Amino acid sequence: MNPRESHQIAPGLTGPYSGWSYDPMCRMLIDERDPPGGTFDHDGKRYYFCSVGCREAFRAAPDSALKRKR
């Protein structure tokens, strides 16, 4: 199965495969080894992003972003 295929998103941000996570802003599946938008650490957890725009939006209000309905 291709890791970039659409998957039902379970609670949390861990992706369906080891080394993959969901972008907390747009829910895109991100390869942790090479996140296009970089990373941001918040409350002891590292988040991975598809773009700089998603990372900066998260960085501006991480707690609000994490409370959004998935």
N, C-alpha and C. Protein backbone atom coordinates (compact mmCIF):
# COMPACT_ATOMS: atom_id res chain seq x y z
N MET A 1 0.85 -1.18 0.00
CA MET A 1 0.00 0.00 0.00
C MET A 1 0.89 1.24 0.00
N ASN A 2 0.54 2.20 -0.81
CA ASN A 2 1.29 3.44 -0.92
C ASN A 2 1.01 4.33 0.28
N PRO A 3 2.04 4.80 1.01
CA PRO A 3 1.82 5.64 2.20
C PRO A 3 1.12 6.95 1.90
N ARG A 4 1.11 7.39 0.67
CA ARG A 4 0.47 8.66 0.32
C ARG A 4 -1.01 8.50 -0.02
N GLU A 5 -1.53 7.28 -0.01
CA GLU A 5 -2.95 7.07 -0.25
C GLU A 5 -3.75 7.64 0.90
N SER A 6 -5.01 7.93 0.63
CA SER A 6 -5.89 8.48 1.65
C SER A 6 -6.18 7.41 2.71
N HIS A 7 -6.19 7.84 3.97
CA HIS A 7 -6.47 6.94 5.09
C HIS A 7 -7.43 7.61 6.04
N GLN A 8 -8.21 6.81 6.72
CA GLN A 8 -9.06 7.37 7.76
C GLN A 8 -8.13 7.80 8.89
N ILE A 9 -8.34 8.99 9.40
CA ILE A 9 -7.44 9.54 10.41
C ILE A 9 -7.93 9.16 11.79
N ALA A 10 -7.09 8.46 12.51
CA ALA A 10 -7.40 8.07 13.89
C ALA A 10 -7.02 9.22 14.82
N PRO A 11 -7.50 9.19 16.05
CA PRO A 11 -7.11 10.24 17.00
C PRO A 11 -5.59 10.31 17.13
N GLY A 12 -5.08 11.49 17.32
CA GLY A 12 -3.63 11.68 17.41
C GLY A 12 -3.06 12.02 16.05
N LEU A 13 -1.79 12.25 15.99
CA LEU A 13 -1.17 12.69 14.75
C LEU A 13 -0.25 11.66 14.12
N THR A 14 -0.07 10.52 14.75
CA THR A 14 0.79 9.49 14.21
C THR A 14 0.16 8.92 12.95
N GLY A 15 0.95 8.76 11.92
CA GLY A 15 0.45 8.23 10.66
C GLY A 15 0.25 6.73 10.71
N PRO A 16 -0.25 6.17 9.61
CA PRO A 16 -0.54 4.74 9.56
C PRO A 16 0.71 3.87 9.40
N TYR A 17 1.85 4.50 9.17
CA TYR A 17 3.11 3.78 9.00
C TYR A 17 4.16 4.38 9.91
N SER A 18 5.09 3.58 10.34
CA SER A 18 6.20 4.07 11.15
C SER A 18 6.95 5.13 10.35
N GLY A 19 7.26 6.26 10.99
CA GLY A 19 8.00 7.32 10.33
C GLY A 19 7.13 8.29 9.55
N TRP A 20 5.82 8.16 9.67
CA TRP A 20 4.89 9.07 8.99
C TRP A 20 3.97 9.69 10.03
N SER A 21 3.65 10.97 9.84
CA SER A 21 2.74 11.69 10.73
C SER A 21 1.80 12.54 9.90
N TYR A 22 0.73 12.99 10.55
CA TYR A 22 -0.19 13.90 9.89
C TYR A 22 0.16 15.34 10.24
N ASP A 23 0.11 16.21 9.24
CA ASP A 23 0.24 17.65 9.46
C ASP A 23 -0.97 18.05 10.30
N PRO A 24 -0.77 18.70 11.45
CA PRO A 24 -1.90 19.04 12.32
C PRO A 24 -2.83 20.10 11.74
N MET A 25 -2.41 20.81 10.71
CA MET A 25 -3.24 21.86 10.13
C MET A 25 -4.12 21.33 9.00
N CYS A 26 -3.54 20.63 8.04
CA CYS A 26 -4.29 20.20 6.86
C CYS A 26 -4.52 18.70 6.81
N ARG A 27 -3.92 17.97 7.76
CA ARG A 27 -4.05 16.51 7.88
C ARG A 27 -3.39 15.74 6.74
N MET A 28 -2.49 16.37 6.00
CA MET A 28 -1.75 15.66 4.96
C MET A 28 -0.76 14.69 5.61
N LEU A 29 -0.57 13.55 5.01
CA LEU A 29 0.38 12.56 5.51
C LEU A 29 1.79 13.00 5.15
N ILE A 30 2.67 13.07 6.16
CA ILE A 30 4.02 13.62 6.00
C ILE A 30 5.08 12.58 6.36
N ASP A 31 6.09 12.46 5.50
CA ASP A 31 7.25 11.61 5.78
C ASP A 31 8.13 12.36 6.78
N GLU A 32 8.29 11.81 7.97
CA GLU A 32 9.06 12.49 9.02
C GLU A 32 10.53 12.67 8.66
N ARG A 33 11.05 11.88 7.75
CA ARG A 33 12.46 12.00 7.38
C ARG A 33 12.72 13.23 6.51
N ASP A 34 11.68 13.73 5.85
CA ASP A 34 11.86 14.87 4.94
C ASP A 34 10.58 15.69 4.86
N PRO A 35 10.18 16.34 5.96
CA PRO A 35 8.94 17.12 5.94
C PRO A 35 9.11 18.40 5.12
N PRO A 36 8.32 18.58 4.05
CA PRO A 36 8.49 19.75 3.17
C PRO A 36 8.37 21.09 3.90
N GLY A 37 7.52 21.15 4.93
CA GLY A 37 7.33 22.40 5.66
C GLY A 37 8.12 22.50 6.94
N GLY A 38 8.96 21.51 7.20
CA GLY A 38 9.76 21.52 8.41
C GLY A 38 9.01 20.98 9.62
N THR A 39 9.53 21.28 10.79
CA THR A 39 8.96 20.78 12.04
C THR A 39 8.79 21.92 13.04
N PHE A 40 8.02 21.64 14.06
CA PHE A 40 7.85 22.59 15.16
C PHE A 40 7.57 21.77 16.41
N ASP A 41 8.29 22.06 17.50
CA ASP A 41 8.10 21.35 18.76
C ASP A 41 7.17 22.15 19.66
N HIS A 42 6.20 21.45 20.25
CA HIS A 42 5.23 22.09 21.15
C HIS A 42 4.87 21.10 22.25
N ASP A 43 4.97 21.54 23.49
CA ASP A 43 4.66 20.70 24.66
C ASP A 43 5.34 19.34 24.61
N GLY A 44 6.60 19.33 24.22
CA GLY A 44 7.39 18.10 24.22
C GLY A 44 7.11 17.16 23.06
N LYS A 45 6.36 17.58 22.07
CA LYS A 45 6.06 16.74 20.91
C LYS A 45 6.49 17.47 19.65
N ARG A 46 7.04 16.73 18.71
CA ARG A 46 7.44 17.30 17.42
C ARG A 46 6.30 17.10 16.42
N TYR A 47 5.97 18.18 15.70
CA TYR A 47 4.93 18.16 14.67
C TYR A 47 5.60 18.38 13.31
N TYR A 48 5.05 17.74 12.29
CA TYR A 48 5.62 17.75 10.94
C TYR A 48 4.63 18.42 9.99
N PHE A 49 5.16 19.19 9.01
CA PHE A 49 4.29 20.02 8.18
C PHE A 49 4.55 19.83 6.69
N CYS A 50 3.46 20.02 5.93
CA CYS A 50 3.52 19.90 4.47
C CYS A 50 4.07 21.17 3.83
N SER A 51 3.93 22.30 4.52
CA SER A 51 4.37 23.57 3.96
C SER A 51 4.75 24.54 5.08
N VAL A 52 5.47 25.56 4.71
CA VAL A 52 5.84 26.60 5.67
C VAL A 52 4.57 27.30 6.16
N GLY A 53 3.58 27.48 5.28
CA GLY A 53 2.33 28.13 5.67
C GLY A 53 1.62 27.39 6.78
N CYS A 54 1.53 26.05 6.65
CA CYS A 54 0.90 25.25 7.70
C CYS A 54 1.69 25.34 9.00
N ARG A 55 3.01 25.29 8.89
CA ARG A 55 3.85 25.37 10.09
C ARG A 55 3.68 26.71 10.80
N GLU A 56 3.67 27.79 10.05
CA GLU A 56 3.55 29.10 10.67
C GLU A 56 2.16 29.33 11.25
N ALA A 57 1.12 28.82 10.61
CA ALA A 57 -0.24 28.93 11.16
C ALA A 57 -0.33 28.15 12.47
N PHE A 58 0.29 26.99 12.53
CA PHE A 58 0.30 26.19 13.75
C PHE A 58 1.09 26.91 14.83
N ARG A 59 2.24 27.44 14.46
CA ARG A 59 3.12 28.12 15.41
C ARG A 59 2.44 29.34 16.04
N ALA A 60 1.57 30.00 15.30
CA ALA A 60 0.86 31.18 15.80
C ALA A 60 -0.15 30.83 16.89
N ALA A 61 -0.73 29.63 16.83
CA ALA A 61 -1.75 29.24 17.81
C ALA A 61 -1.83 27.72 17.91
N PRO A 62 -0.78 27.07 18.45
CA PRO A 62 -0.76 25.60 18.46
C PRO A 62 -1.88 24.96 19.27
N ASP A 63 -2.22 25.52 20.42
CA ASP A 63 -3.26 24.91 21.24
C ASP A 63 -4.61 24.97 20.53
N SER A 64 -4.91 26.08 19.87
CA SER A 64 -6.16 26.19 19.12
C SER A 64 -6.18 25.19 17.96
N ALA A 65 -5.06 25.06 17.27
CA ALA A 65 -4.99 24.13 16.14
C ALA A 65 -5.23 22.70 16.60
N LEU A 66 -4.68 22.34 17.74
CA LEU A 66 -4.83 20.97 18.23
C LEU A 66 -6.23 20.69 18.75
N LYS A 67 -6.98 21.72 19.11
CA LYS A 67 -8.35 21.54 19.60
C LYS A 67 -9.38 21.45 18.49
N ARG A 68 -9.00 21.83 17.26
CA ARG A 68 -9.93 21.78 16.13
C ARG A 68 -10.45 20.37 15.93
N LYS A 69 -11.67 20.27 15.45
CA LYS A 69 -12.21 18.94 15.13
C LYS A 69 -11.42 18.37 13.97
N ARG A 70 -11.12 17.12 14.05
CA ARG A 70 -10.37 16.43 13.01
C ARG A 70 -11.28 15.90 11.94
